């Protein structure tokens, strides 16, 4: 996830994409064990903590982001992860948050791998809340911070999470970090016995991202 590039801007960048707190609080009990995958400097973890969630783990591939997060929020459990395979047993978390993470993964296979791991460590009945920038036409570009970004069409994002049971899917208005008007997908899904038995990796040939990966 471009950790070296993020290290260079870790002390300067301010993320702005928000999760849907009212819906999250409706679906996720306060005592749930939560994973914030790609937590950056812990902004979303701190928001959840302020709402009464105490069992939160934040992980990110950028050591400098985690360093900033630990300075800002020493009461949070933030740590660096180096591998795409998570070091947690199956069915560990009751909820997982993915906020502007796929946006920062320009390669299709890496996106698929992330979601496969998320599904593995999410408990049956657990909630996935994903918020990702989107656009009418899929595009890859370099941000003002020098980070390669990828905005997907809403239908592409929906395909990526098809292994979960969809609870809510909406396209919302937001802003980029540069202040430009943008759209994002806000999604809630559940890992249930009724979900697609194929893994996210099995969807690789049907996601519609020609030329990527």
N, C-alpha and C. Protein backbone atom coordinates (compact mmCIF):
# COMPACT_ATOMS: atom_id res chain seq x y z
N UNK A 1 0.81 -1.20 0.00
CA UNK A 1 0.00 0.00 0.00
C UNK A 1 0.85 1.25 0.00
N UNK A 2 1.93 1.23 -0.76
CA UNK A 2 2.75 2.41 -0.97
C UNK A 2 3.24 3.01 0.35
N UNK A 3 3.65 2.17 1.26
CA UNK A 3 3.99 2.64 2.60
C UNK A 3 5.13 3.63 2.62
N UNK A 4 6.11 3.45 1.73
CA UNK A 4 7.25 4.39 1.72
C UNK A 4 6.80 5.78 1.29
N UNK A 5 5.91 5.85 0.32
CA UNK A 5 5.39 7.16 -0.11
C UNK A 5 4.58 7.82 1.00
N UNK A 6 3.79 7.03 1.71
CA UNK A 6 3.01 7.58 2.82
C UNK A 6 3.91 8.02 3.96
N UNK A 7 5.03 7.32 4.18
CA UNK A 7 5.97 7.72 5.23
C UNK A 7 6.44 9.16 5.03
N UNK A 8 6.64 9.55 3.77
CA UNK A 8 7.18 10.87 3.46
C UNK A 8 6.21 11.99 3.79
N UNK A 9 4.92 11.70 3.79
CA UNK A 9 3.91 12.75 4.02
C UNK A 9 3.12 12.52 5.30
N UNK A 10 3.53 11.55 6.10
CA UNK A 10 2.73 11.13 7.26
C UNK A 10 2.45 12.25 8.25
N UNK A 11 3.39 13.18 8.40
CA UNK A 11 3.21 14.26 9.36
C UNK A 11 2.46 15.46 8.78
N UNK A 12 2.20 15.43 7.49
CA UNK A 12 1.59 16.59 6.84
C UNK A 12 0.17 16.36 6.35
N UNK A 13 -0.15 15.14 5.99
CA UNK A 13 -1.44 14.86 5.36
C UNK A 13 -2.55 14.83 6.42
N UNK A 14 -3.72 15.34 6.05
CA UNK A 14 -4.89 15.29 6.92
C UNK A 14 -6.03 14.64 6.15
N UNK A 15 -6.43 13.46 6.57
CA UNK A 15 -7.49 12.73 5.89
C UNK A 15 -8.85 13.36 6.20
N UNK A 16 -9.79 13.19 5.28
CA UNK A 16 -11.07 13.87 5.47
C UNK A 16 -12.29 13.00 5.19
N UNK A 17 -12.12 11.80 4.63
CA UNK A 17 -13.28 10.97 4.32
C UNK A 17 -13.83 10.38 5.62
N UNK A 18 -15.14 10.52 5.82
CA UNK A 18 -15.76 10.12 7.08
C UNK A 18 -16.55 8.83 6.95
N UNK A 19 -16.54 8.04 8.01
CA UNK A 19 -17.40 6.88 8.07
C UNK A 19 -18.81 7.34 8.49
N UNK A 20 -19.78 6.44 8.33
CA UNK A 20 -21.17 6.73 8.70
C UNK A 20 -21.37 6.32 10.15
N UNK A 21 -21.12 7.25 11.06
CA UNK A 21 -21.19 6.94 12.48
C UNK A 21 -22.61 6.55 12.94
N UNK A 22 -23.66 7.28 12.55
CA UNK A 22 -25.00 6.87 13.03
C UNK A 22 -25.36 5.45 12.65
N UNK A 23 -25.08 5.05 11.40
CA UNK A 23 -25.42 3.70 10.96
C UNK A 23 -24.50 2.67 11.63
N UNK A 24 -23.23 3.03 11.80
CA UNK A 24 -22.29 2.13 12.46
C UNK A 24 -22.76 1.85 13.89
N UNK A 25 -23.18 2.89 14.59
CA UNK A 25 -23.61 2.72 15.97
C UNK A 25 -24.92 1.93 16.06
N UNK A 26 -25.72 2.01 15.03
CA UNK A 26 -26.96 1.24 15.01
C UNK A 26 -26.68 -0.26 14.83
N UNK A 27 -25.66 -0.57 14.03
CA UNK A 27 -25.38 -1.96 13.68
C UNK A 27 -24.36 -2.64 14.59
N UNK A 28 -23.48 -1.86 15.21
CA UNK A 28 -22.34 -2.44 15.93
C UNK A 28 -22.43 -2.11 17.42
N UNK A 29 -22.59 -3.10 18.28
CA UNK A 29 -22.63 -2.86 19.74
C UNK A 29 -21.30 -2.29 20.25
N UNK A 30 -21.38 -1.58 21.36
CA UNK A 30 -20.20 -0.88 21.89
C UNK A 30 -19.09 -1.83 22.33
N UNK A 31 -19.43 -3.06 22.70
CA UNK A 31 -18.40 -3.98 23.19
C UNK A 31 -17.77 -4.82 22.08
N UNK A 32 -18.08 -4.50 20.83
CA UNK A 32 -17.54 -5.24 19.69
C UNK A 32 -16.05 -5.01 19.52
N UNK A 33 -15.31 -6.06 19.18
CA UNK A 33 -13.90 -5.92 18.84
C UNK A 33 -13.80 -5.46 17.39
N UNK A 34 -13.17 -4.30 17.17
CA UNK A 34 -13.17 -3.64 15.87
C UNK A 34 -11.75 -3.56 15.31
N UNK A 35 -11.61 -3.82 14.02
CA UNK A 35 -10.35 -3.61 13.32
C UNK A 35 -10.52 -2.46 12.34
N UNK A 36 -9.66 -1.45 12.46
CA UNK A 36 -9.58 -0.37 11.46
C UNK A 36 -8.40 -0.71 10.56
N UNK A 37 -8.70 -1.25 9.38
CA UNK A 37 -7.66 -1.71 8.46
C UNK A 37 -7.22 -0.52 7.60
N UNK A 38 -5.91 -0.19 7.68
CA UNK A 38 -5.42 1.01 7.00
C UNK A 38 -5.78 2.25 7.78
N UNK A 39 -5.45 2.23 9.07
CA UNK A 39 -5.92 3.26 10.00
C UNK A 39 -5.21 4.59 9.86
N UNK A 40 -4.10 4.64 9.09
CA UNK A 40 -3.36 5.90 8.99
C UNK A 40 -2.84 6.32 10.35
N UNK A 41 -3.14 7.57 10.74
CA UNK A 41 -2.69 8.07 12.05
C UNK A 41 -3.79 7.95 13.12
N UNK A 42 -4.78 7.11 12.87
CA UNK A 42 -5.76 6.78 13.90
C UNK A 42 -6.95 7.70 14.00
N UNK A 43 -7.23 8.47 12.96
CA UNK A 43 -8.33 9.43 13.01
C UNK A 43 -9.68 8.74 13.24
N UNK A 44 -9.96 7.68 12.48
CA UNK A 44 -11.23 6.98 12.63
C UNK A 44 -11.28 6.19 13.94
N UNK A 45 -10.16 5.61 14.34
CA UNK A 45 -10.11 4.92 15.63
C UNK A 45 -10.46 5.88 16.77
N UNK A 46 -9.93 7.08 16.71
CA UNK A 46 -10.21 8.07 17.75
C UNK A 46 -11.68 8.47 17.74
N UNK A 47 -12.26 8.59 16.55
CA UNK A 47 -13.68 8.92 16.46
C UNK A 47 -14.53 7.82 17.10
N UNK A 48 -14.22 6.57 16.79
CA UNK A 48 -14.97 5.47 17.38
C UNK A 48 -14.77 5.41 18.89
N UNK A 49 -13.56 5.67 19.35
CA UNK A 49 -13.27 5.69 20.78
C UNK A 49 -14.11 6.76 21.49
N UNK A 50 -14.25 7.91 20.84
CA UNK A 50 -15.02 9.01 21.43
C UNK A 50 -16.51 8.67 21.53
N UNK A 51 -16.96 7.69 20.74
CA UNK A 51 -18.35 7.26 20.76
C UNK A 51 -18.59 6.09 21.70
N UNK A 52 -17.56 5.69 22.43
CA UNK A 52 -17.73 4.66 23.44
C UNK A 52 -17.24 3.28 23.06
N UNK A 53 -16.59 3.16 21.90
CA UNK A 53 -16.01 1.87 21.50
C UNK A 53 -14.60 1.76 22.08
N UNK A 54 -14.37 0.74 22.87
CA UNK A 54 -13.08 0.61 23.56
C UNK A 54 -12.21 -0.52 23.05
N UNK A 55 -12.77 -1.44 22.28
CA UNK A 55 -12.01 -2.58 21.78
C UNK A 55 -11.66 -2.37 20.31
N UNK A 56 -10.75 -1.44 20.06
CA UNK A 56 -10.41 -1.05 18.69
C UNK A 56 -8.93 -1.33 18.45
N UNK A 57 -8.63 -1.96 17.32
CA UNK A 57 -7.25 -2.16 16.87
C UNK A 57 -7.10 -1.48 15.52
N UNK A 58 -6.08 -0.65 15.40
CA UNK A 58 -5.79 0.01 14.14
C UNK A 58 -4.47 -0.47 13.58
N UNK A 59 -4.45 -0.83 12.28
CA UNK A 59 -3.21 -1.28 11.66
C UNK A 59 -2.99 -0.52 10.36
N UNK A 60 -1.73 -0.32 10.02
CA UNK A 60 -1.37 0.38 8.78
C UNK A 60 0.02 -0.08 8.36
N UNK A 61 0.28 -0.01 7.05
CA UNK A 61 1.59 -0.45 6.56
C UNK A 61 2.67 0.62 6.72
N UNK A 62 2.26 1.86 6.98
CA UNK A 62 3.23 2.96 7.08
C UNK A 62 3.69 3.15 8.53
N UNK A 63 4.96 2.89 8.84
CA UNK A 63 5.43 3.08 10.21
C UNK A 63 5.36 4.53 10.67
N UNK A 64 5.53 5.47 9.74
CA UNK A 64 5.47 6.88 10.12
C UNK A 64 4.04 7.32 10.45
N UNK A 65 3.06 6.75 9.75
CA UNK A 65 1.67 7.03 10.09
C UNK A 65 1.36 6.52 11.49
N UNK A 66 1.82 5.31 11.79
CA UNK A 66 1.59 4.74 13.12
C UNK A 66 2.32 5.56 14.18
N UNK A 67 3.52 6.02 13.87
CA UNK A 67 4.27 6.86 14.81
C UNK A 67 3.49 8.13 15.13
N UNK A 68 2.96 8.78 14.10
CA UNK A 68 2.14 9.98 14.32
C UNK A 68 0.90 9.65 15.15
N UNK A 69 0.25 8.52 14.81
CA UNK A 69 -0.95 8.13 15.54
C UNK A 69 -0.68 7.87 17.00
N UNK A 70 0.43 7.22 17.30
CA UNK A 70 0.76 6.93 18.69
C UNK A 70 1.09 8.20 19.47
N UNK A 71 1.63 9.20 18.79
CA UNK A 71 1.88 10.48 19.44
C UNK A 71 0.58 11.23 19.73
N UNK A 72 -0.32 11.18 18.75
CA UNK A 72 -1.60 11.90 18.89
C UNK A 72 -2.56 11.18 19.83
N UNK A 73 -2.56 9.86 19.78
CA UNK A 73 -3.56 9.07 20.50
C UNK A 73 -2.90 7.92 21.26
N UNK A 74 -2.14 8.23 22.29
CA UNK A 74 -1.40 7.17 22.98
C UNK A 74 -2.30 6.13 23.65
N UNK A 75 -3.58 6.41 23.81
CA UNK A 75 -4.51 5.49 24.44
C UNK A 75 -5.05 4.45 23.46
N UNK A 76 -4.76 4.62 22.16
CA UNK A 76 -5.25 3.69 21.16
C UNK A 76 -4.23 2.59 20.87
N UNK A 77 -4.73 1.46 20.38
CA UNK A 77 -3.87 0.33 20.01
C UNK A 77 -3.62 0.38 18.51
N UNK A 78 -2.58 1.11 18.12
CA UNK A 78 -2.21 1.26 16.71
C UNK A 78 -0.88 0.58 16.46
N UNK A 79 -0.79 -0.18 15.38
CA UNK A 79 0.47 -0.86 15.10
C UNK A 79 0.67 -1.02 13.61
N UNK A 80 1.92 -1.22 13.23
CA UNK A 80 2.27 -1.40 11.83
C UNK A 80 2.12 -2.87 11.44
N UNK A 81 1.63 -3.08 10.25
CA UNK A 81 1.60 -4.43 9.68
C UNK A 81 2.42 -4.43 8.40
N UNK A 82 3.26 -5.43 8.22
CA UNK A 82 4.13 -5.47 7.05
C UNK A 82 3.62 -6.42 5.98
N UNK A 83 2.80 -7.36 6.35
CA UNK A 83 2.36 -8.38 5.40
C UNK A 83 0.92 -8.15 4.98
N UNK A 84 0.60 -8.59 3.76
CA UNK A 84 -0.78 -8.51 3.31
C UNK A 84 -1.64 -9.56 4.01
N UNK A 85 -1.01 -10.64 4.49
CA UNK A 85 -1.73 -11.64 5.28
C UNK A 85 -1.77 -11.19 6.73
N UNK A 86 -2.96 -11.02 7.27
CA UNK A 86 -3.10 -10.51 8.63
C UNK A 86 -2.72 -11.58 9.65
N UNK A 87 -2.07 -11.14 10.71
CA UNK A 87 -1.61 -12.06 11.74
C UNK A 87 -2.68 -12.24 12.82
N UNK A 88 -3.90 -12.52 12.39
CA UNK A 88 -5.01 -12.77 13.30
C UNK A 88 -5.68 -14.07 12.89
N UNK A 89 -6.21 -14.81 13.87
CA UNK A 89 -6.93 -16.05 13.53
C UNK A 89 -8.22 -15.74 12.77
N UNK A 90 -8.78 -16.74 12.14
CA UNK A 90 -10.09 -16.60 11.51
C UNK A 90 -11.11 -16.14 12.55
N UNK A 91 -12.09 -15.37 12.09
CA UNK A 91 -13.24 -14.99 12.93
C UNK A 91 -12.82 -14.25 14.21
N UNK A 92 -11.93 -13.28 14.07
CA UNK A 92 -11.43 -12.55 15.23
C UNK A 92 -12.28 -11.32 15.56
N UNK A 93 -12.72 -10.58 14.55
CA UNK A 93 -13.32 -9.27 14.77
C UNK A 93 -14.82 -9.27 14.50
N UNK A 94 -15.53 -8.49 15.32
CA UNK A 94 -16.96 -8.33 15.12
C UNK A 94 -17.31 -7.26 14.12
N UNK A 95 -16.36 -6.37 13.84
CA UNK A 95 -16.57 -5.32 12.84
C UNK A 95 -15.22 -4.89 12.28
N UNK A 96 -15.21 -4.54 11.00
CA UNK A 96 -14.00 -4.06 10.35
C UNK A 96 -14.34 -2.80 9.56
N UNK A 97 -13.49 -1.80 9.70
CA UNK A 97 -13.65 -0.54 8.99
C UNK A 97 -12.58 -0.43 7.92
N UNK A 98 -13.01 -0.05 6.72
CA UNK A 98 -12.11 0.14 5.58
C UNK A 98 -12.43 1.52 5.01
N UNK A 99 -11.64 2.52 5.36
CA UNK A 99 -11.95 3.90 4.97
C UNK A 99 -10.83 4.45 4.08
N UNK A 100 -11.16 4.67 2.80
CA UNK A 100 -10.20 5.21 1.82
C UNK A 100 -8.94 4.37 1.74
N UNK A 101 -9.09 3.05 1.83
CA UNK A 101 -7.97 2.13 1.72
C UNK A 101 -7.82 1.62 0.30
N UNK A 102 -8.90 1.12 -0.27
CA UNK A 102 -8.85 0.66 -1.66
C UNK A 102 -8.50 1.80 -2.61
N UNK A 103 -8.87 3.00 -2.22
CA UNK A 103 -8.52 4.20 -2.99
C UNK A 103 -7.01 4.31 -3.19
N UNK A 104 -6.26 3.80 -2.22
CA UNK A 104 -4.80 3.91 -2.24
C UNK A 104 -4.12 2.63 -2.74
N UNK A 105 -4.90 1.72 -3.29
CA UNK A 105 -4.36 0.47 -3.83
C UNK A 105 -4.65 0.43 -5.32
N UNK A 106 -3.68 0.77 -6.16
CA UNK A 106 -3.96 0.87 -7.60
C UNK A 106 -4.05 -0.47 -8.32
N UNK A 107 -3.63 -1.56 -7.69
CA UNK A 107 -3.61 -2.85 -8.39
C UNK A 107 -4.77 -3.73 -7.94
N UNK A 108 -5.43 -4.31 -8.90
CA UNK A 108 -6.62 -5.12 -8.65
C UNK A 108 -6.35 -6.30 -7.72
N UNK A 109 -5.28 -7.04 -7.99
CA UNK A 109 -5.00 -8.23 -7.18
C UNK A 109 -4.82 -7.87 -5.72
N UNK A 110 -4.16 -6.74 -5.44
CA UNK A 110 -3.95 -6.32 -4.06
C UNK A 110 -5.27 -5.99 -3.38
N UNK A 111 -6.20 -5.36 -4.10
CA UNK A 111 -7.52 -5.08 -3.55
C UNK A 111 -8.25 -6.36 -3.20
N UNK A 112 -8.21 -7.31 -4.10
CA UNK A 112 -8.87 -8.59 -3.89
C UNK A 112 -8.27 -9.31 -2.69
N UNK A 113 -6.95 -9.28 -2.56
CA UNK A 113 -6.28 -9.93 -1.44
C UNK A 113 -6.69 -9.31 -0.10
N UNK A 114 -6.78 -7.98 -0.06
CA UNK A 114 -7.18 -7.29 1.16
C UNK A 114 -8.58 -7.74 1.60
N UNK A 115 -9.51 -7.76 0.67
CA UNK A 115 -10.88 -8.12 1.02
C UNK A 115 -11.02 -9.59 1.39
N UNK A 116 -10.20 -10.44 0.80
CA UNK A 116 -10.20 -11.85 1.19
C UNK A 116 -9.74 -12.02 2.64
N UNK A 117 -8.71 -11.28 3.02
CA UNK A 117 -8.22 -11.35 4.39
C UNK A 117 -9.23 -10.76 5.36
N UNK A 118 -9.87 -9.68 4.96
CA UNK A 118 -10.88 -9.06 5.82
C UNK A 118 -12.02 -10.04 6.07
N UNK A 119 -12.46 -10.72 5.03
CA UNK A 119 -13.54 -11.69 5.20
C UNK A 119 -13.10 -12.84 6.12
N UNK A 120 -11.84 -13.24 6.01
CA UNK A 120 -11.35 -14.35 6.83
C UNK A 120 -11.36 -14.00 8.31
N UNK A 121 -10.91 -12.80 8.67
CA UNK A 121 -10.78 -12.46 10.09
C UNK A 121 -12.06 -11.87 10.68
N UNK A 122 -13.07 -11.62 9.85
CA UNK A 122 -14.35 -11.12 10.33
C UNK A 122 -15.20 -12.30 10.80
N UNK A 123 -15.81 -12.14 11.95
CA UNK A 123 -16.68 -13.19 12.48
C UNK A 123 -17.93 -13.35 11.63
N UNK A 124 -18.48 -14.53 11.61
CA UNK A 124 -19.79 -14.72 11.00
C UNK A 124 -20.81 -13.86 11.76
N UNK A 125 -21.55 -13.07 11.02
CA UNK A 125 -22.44 -12.10 11.63
C UNK A 125 -21.81 -10.74 11.81
N UNK A 126 -20.49 -10.64 11.58
CA UNK A 126 -19.78 -9.38 11.74
C UNK A 126 -20.07 -8.40 10.62
N UNK A 127 -19.76 -7.13 10.88
CA UNK A 127 -20.07 -6.03 9.99
C UNK A 127 -18.81 -5.48 9.33
N UNK A 128 -18.86 -5.31 8.02
CA UNK A 128 -17.84 -4.57 7.28
C UNK A 128 -18.41 -3.22 6.89
N UNK A 129 -17.73 -2.16 7.28
CA UNK A 129 -18.11 -0.81 6.84
C UNK A 129 -16.99 -0.28 5.96
N UNK A 130 -17.30 -0.06 4.70
CA UNK A 130 -16.33 0.42 3.72
C UNK A 130 -16.77 1.78 3.19
N UNK A 131 -15.86 2.74 3.20
CA UNK A 131 -16.11 4.04 2.58
C UNK A 131 -14.93 4.33 1.65
N UNK A 132 -15.22 4.47 0.36
CA UNK A 132 -14.17 4.64 -0.64
C UNK A 132 -14.57 5.69 -1.66
N UNK A 133 -13.60 6.50 -2.06
CA UNK A 133 -13.85 7.46 -3.14
C UNK A 133 -14.24 6.70 -4.41
N UNK A 134 -15.13 7.31 -5.19
CA UNK A 134 -15.57 6.69 -6.44
C UNK A 134 -15.69 7.77 -7.51
N UNK A 135 -15.92 7.31 -8.73
CA UNK A 135 -16.11 8.25 -9.84
C UNK A 135 -16.96 7.57 -10.90
N UNK A 136 -17.51 8.37 -11.80
CA UNK A 136 -18.35 7.80 -12.86
C UNK A 136 -17.56 6.86 -13.76
N UNK A 137 -16.29 7.21 -13.96
CA UNK A 137 -15.41 6.37 -14.76
C UNK A 137 -14.17 6.04 -13.95
N UNK A 138 -13.81 4.77 -13.89
CA UNK A 138 -12.64 4.34 -13.14
C UNK A 138 -11.39 5.08 -13.61
N UNK A 139 -10.57 5.55 -12.66
CA UNK A 139 -9.38 6.30 -13.04
C UNK A 139 -8.27 6.12 -12.02
N UNK A 140 -7.04 6.12 -12.51
CA UNK A 140 -5.85 6.08 -11.67
C UNK A 140 -5.07 7.36 -11.90
N UNK A 141 -4.59 7.98 -10.82
CA UNK A 141 -3.90 9.27 -10.93
C UNK A 141 -2.96 9.44 -9.75
N UNK A 142 -2.10 10.44 -9.83
CA UNK A 142 -1.16 10.76 -8.75
C UNK A 142 -1.68 12.00 -8.03
N UNK A 143 -1.84 11.90 -6.72
CA UNK A 143 -2.37 13.00 -5.93
C UNK A 143 -1.33 14.10 -5.74
N UNK A 144 -1.77 15.20 -5.13
CA UNK A 144 -0.86 16.30 -4.84
C UNK A 144 0.25 15.90 -3.87
N UNK A 145 0.02 14.82 -3.13
CA UNK A 145 1.02 14.33 -2.18
C UNK A 145 1.98 13.33 -2.82
N UNK A 146 1.80 13.08 -4.12
CA UNK A 146 2.68 12.14 -4.81
C UNK A 146 2.30 10.69 -4.63
N UNK A 147 1.07 10.43 -4.17
CA UNK A 147 0.58 9.07 -3.95
C UNK A 147 -0.29 8.65 -5.13
N UNK A 148 -0.06 7.46 -5.64
CA UNK A 148 -0.92 6.93 -6.70
C UNK A 148 -2.26 6.53 -6.12
N UNK A 149 -3.32 7.09 -6.67
CA UNK A 149 -4.68 6.83 -6.20
C UNK A 149 -5.49 6.15 -7.31
N UNK A 150 -6.54 5.44 -6.86
CA UNK A 150 -7.43 4.80 -7.82
C UNK A 150 -8.87 5.00 -7.38
N UNK A 151 -9.65 5.72 -8.18
CA UNK A 151 -11.08 5.88 -7.91
C UNK A 151 -11.84 4.93 -8.82
N UNK A 152 -12.72 4.13 -8.23
CA UNK A 152 -13.47 3.13 -8.97
C UNK A 152 -14.91 3.55 -9.18
N UNK A 153 -15.54 2.96 -10.16
CA UNK A 153 -16.96 3.15 -10.34
C UNK A 153 -17.70 2.45 -9.19
N UNK A 154 -18.85 2.98 -8.77
CA UNK A 154 -19.61 2.33 -7.71
C UNK A 154 -19.89 0.85 -7.97
N UNK A 155 -20.18 0.51 -9.22
CA UNK A 155 -20.46 -0.89 -9.54
C UNK A 155 -19.24 -1.77 -9.33
N UNK A 156 -18.04 -1.23 -9.55
CA UNK A 156 -16.81 -1.99 -9.32
C UNK A 156 -16.61 -2.25 -7.84
N UNK A 157 -16.86 -1.24 -7.03
CA UNK A 157 -16.74 -1.41 -5.58
C UNK A 157 -17.76 -2.42 -5.08
N UNK A 158 -18.95 -2.37 -5.62
CA UNK A 158 -19.99 -3.33 -5.22
C UNK A 158 -19.57 -4.76 -5.55
N UNK A 159 -18.94 -4.94 -6.70
CA UNK A 159 -18.46 -6.26 -7.09
C UNK A 159 -17.38 -6.78 -6.15
N UNK A 160 -16.51 -5.89 -5.71
CA UNK A 160 -15.43 -6.30 -4.82
C UNK A 160 -15.95 -6.86 -3.50
N UNK A 161 -17.09 -6.38 -3.03
CA UNK A 161 -17.61 -6.83 -1.74
C UNK A 161 -18.79 -7.79 -1.90
N UNK A 162 -18.89 -8.41 -3.05
CA UNK A 162 -20.02 -9.29 -3.32
C UNK A 162 -20.00 -10.57 -2.48
N UNK A 163 -18.89 -10.86 -1.81
CA UNK A 163 -18.82 -12.03 -0.93
C UNK A 163 -19.50 -11.78 0.41
N UNK A 164 -19.95 -10.53 0.65
CA UNK A 164 -20.67 -10.19 1.86
C UNK A 164 -22.15 -9.96 1.54
N UNK A 165 -23.00 -10.05 2.56
CA UNK A 165 -24.41 -9.72 2.38
C UNK A 165 -24.58 -8.22 2.54
N UNK A 166 -25.05 -7.57 1.50
CA UNK A 166 -25.16 -6.11 1.51
C UNK A 166 -26.29 -5.66 2.43
N UNK A 167 -25.98 -4.70 3.32
CA UNK A 167 -26.96 -4.10 4.20
C UNK A 167 -27.32 -2.68 3.78
N UNK A 168 -26.33 -1.95 3.27
CA UNK A 168 -26.57 -0.58 2.84
C UNK A 168 -25.49 -0.19 1.84
N UNK A 169 -25.91 0.46 0.76
CA UNK A 169 -24.98 0.90 -0.27
C UNK A 169 -25.48 2.23 -0.79
N UNK A 170 -24.68 3.27 -0.67
CA UNK A 170 -25.09 4.57 -1.18
C UNK A 170 -23.89 5.35 -1.68
N UNK A 171 -24.14 6.18 -2.67
CA UNK A 171 -23.13 7.10 -3.19
C UNK A 171 -23.37 8.45 -2.54
N UNK A 172 -22.33 8.99 -1.91
CA UNK A 172 -22.45 10.24 -1.15
C UNK A 172 -21.56 11.31 -1.75
N UNK A 173 -21.88 12.55 -1.47
CA UNK A 173 -21.05 13.68 -1.87
C UNK A 173 -20.02 13.96 -0.79
N UNK A 174 -18.80 14.26 -1.20
CA UNK A 174 -17.74 14.54 -0.24
C UNK A 174 -16.70 15.44 -0.92
N UNK A 175 -15.54 15.56 -0.31
CA UNK A 175 -14.43 16.33 -0.88
C UNK A 175 -13.16 15.51 -0.82
N UNK A 176 -12.27 15.74 -1.77
CA UNK A 176 -10.94 15.14 -1.71
C UNK A 176 -10.10 15.89 -0.69
N UNK A 177 -8.91 15.38 -0.39
CA UNK A 177 -8.02 16.08 0.53
C UNK A 177 -7.62 17.44 -0.01
N UNK A 178 -7.67 17.59 -1.34
CA UNK A 178 -7.34 18.88 -1.95
C UNK A 178 -8.50 19.85 -2.00
N UNK A 179 -9.64 19.43 -1.46
CA UNK A 179 -10.79 20.32 -1.42
C UNK A 179 -11.71 20.25 -2.62
N UNK A 180 -11.45 19.34 -3.55
CA UNK A 180 -12.30 19.21 -4.73
C UNK A 180 -13.56 18.40 -4.41
N UNK A 181 -14.67 18.77 -5.03
CA UNK A 181 -15.90 18.03 -4.86
C UNK A 181 -15.73 16.63 -5.44
N UNK A 182 -16.19 15.63 -4.71
CA UNK A 182 -16.01 14.24 -5.14
C UNK A 182 -17.19 13.41 -4.67
N UNK A 183 -17.21 12.16 -5.13
CA UNK A 183 -18.20 11.20 -4.68
C UNK A 183 -17.49 10.04 -3.98
N UNK A 184 -18.23 9.39 -3.12
CA UNK A 184 -17.70 8.22 -2.43
C UNK A 184 -18.83 7.22 -2.24
N UNK A 185 -18.46 5.98 -2.10
CA UNK A 185 -19.41 4.92 -1.78
C UNK A 185 -19.31 4.61 -0.29
N UNK A 186 -20.46 4.61 0.37
CA UNK A 186 -20.54 4.20 1.77
C UNK A 186 -21.31 2.88 1.80
N UNK A 187 -20.68 1.85 2.34
CA UNK A 187 -21.22 0.48 2.25
C UNK A 187 -21.17 -0.20 3.61
N UNK A 188 -22.24 -0.90 3.92
CA UNK A 188 -22.26 -1.81 5.07
C UNK A 188 -22.60 -3.20 4.58
N UNK A 189 -21.81 -4.16 4.98
CA UNK A 189 -22.08 -5.55 4.62
C UNK A 189 -21.89 -6.44 5.83
N UNK A 190 -22.39 -7.65 5.73
CA UNK A 190 -22.31 -8.61 6.83
C UNK A 190 -21.81 -9.94 6.32
N UNK A 191 -20.96 -10.57 7.11
CA UNK A 191 -20.52 -11.92 6.80
C UNK A 191 -21.55 -12.89 7.38
N UNK A 192 -22.31 -13.51 6.52
CA UNK A 192 -23.38 -14.40 6.97
C UNK A 192 -23.24 -15.77 6.32
N UNK A 193 -24.03 -16.71 6.81
CA UNK A 193 -24.04 -18.05 6.21
C UNK A 193 -24.65 -18.02 4.82
N UNK A 194 -25.35 -16.92 4.51
CA UNK A 194 -26.00 -16.80 3.21
C UNK A 194 -25.13 -16.10 2.19
N UNK A 195 -23.93 -15.66 2.60
CA UNK A 195 -23.06 -14.95 1.68
C UNK A 195 -22.50 -15.89 0.63
N UNK A 196 -22.00 -15.29 -0.42
CA UNK A 196 -21.38 -16.04 -1.52
C UNK A 196 -20.27 -16.93 -0.96
N UNK A 197 -20.29 -18.20 -1.28
CA UNK A 197 -19.25 -19.11 -0.76
C UNK A 197 -17.93 -18.96 -1.51
N UNK A 198 -17.94 -18.26 -2.64
CA UNK A 198 -16.69 -18.00 -3.34
C UNK A 198 -15.93 -16.91 -2.60
N UNK A 199 -14.63 -17.04 -2.55
CA UNK A 199 -13.83 -16.00 -1.92
C UNK A 199 -13.73 -14.80 -2.85
N UNK A 200 -13.24 -13.68 -2.28
CA UNK A 200 -13.04 -12.50 -3.12
C UNK A 200 -12.07 -12.79 -4.24
N UNK A 201 -11.11 -13.69 -4.01
CA UNK A 201 -10.15 -14.02 -5.07
C UNK A 201 -10.85 -14.68 -6.25
N UNK A 202 -11.94 -15.40 -6.00
CA UNK A 202 -12.66 -16.06 -7.08
C UNK A 202 -13.34 -15.05 -8.00
N UNK A 203 -13.49 -13.81 -7.52
CA UNK A 203 -14.14 -12.78 -8.33
C UNK A 203 -13.17 -12.07 -9.24
N UNK A 204 -11.90 -12.42 -9.16
CA UNK A 204 -10.86 -11.67 -9.85
C UNK A 204 -11.12 -11.51 -11.34
N UNK A 205 -11.63 -12.55 -11.98
CA UNK A 205 -11.82 -12.47 -13.42
C UNK A 205 -13.08 -11.76 -13.85
N UNK A 206 -13.90 -11.30 -12.89
CA UNK A 206 -15.20 -10.72 -13.26
C UNK A 206 -15.38 -9.30 -12.78
N UNK A 207 -14.32 -8.67 -12.27
CA UNK A 207 -14.49 -7.36 -11.67
C UNK A 207 -14.46 -6.22 -12.67
N UNK A 208 -14.01 -6.47 -13.90
CA UNK A 208 -14.09 -5.43 -14.90
C UNK A 208 -13.02 -4.36 -14.79
N UNK A 209 -11.79 -4.73 -14.44
CA UNK A 209 -10.70 -3.78 -14.38
C UNK A 209 -9.65 -4.15 -15.43
N UNK A 210 -9.93 -4.06 -16.70
CA UNK A 210 -8.95 -4.48 -17.71
C UNK A 210 -7.67 -3.66 -17.62
N UNK A 211 -6.55 -4.37 -17.70
CA UNK A 211 -5.26 -3.67 -17.73
C UNK A 211 -4.68 -3.37 -16.38
N UNK A 212 -5.35 -3.77 -15.29
CA UNK A 212 -4.81 -3.49 -13.94
C UNK A 212 -4.44 -4.81 -13.29
N UNK A 213 -3.53 -4.69 -12.27
CA UNK A 213 -3.22 -5.87 -11.48
C UNK A 213 -1.93 -6.51 -11.86
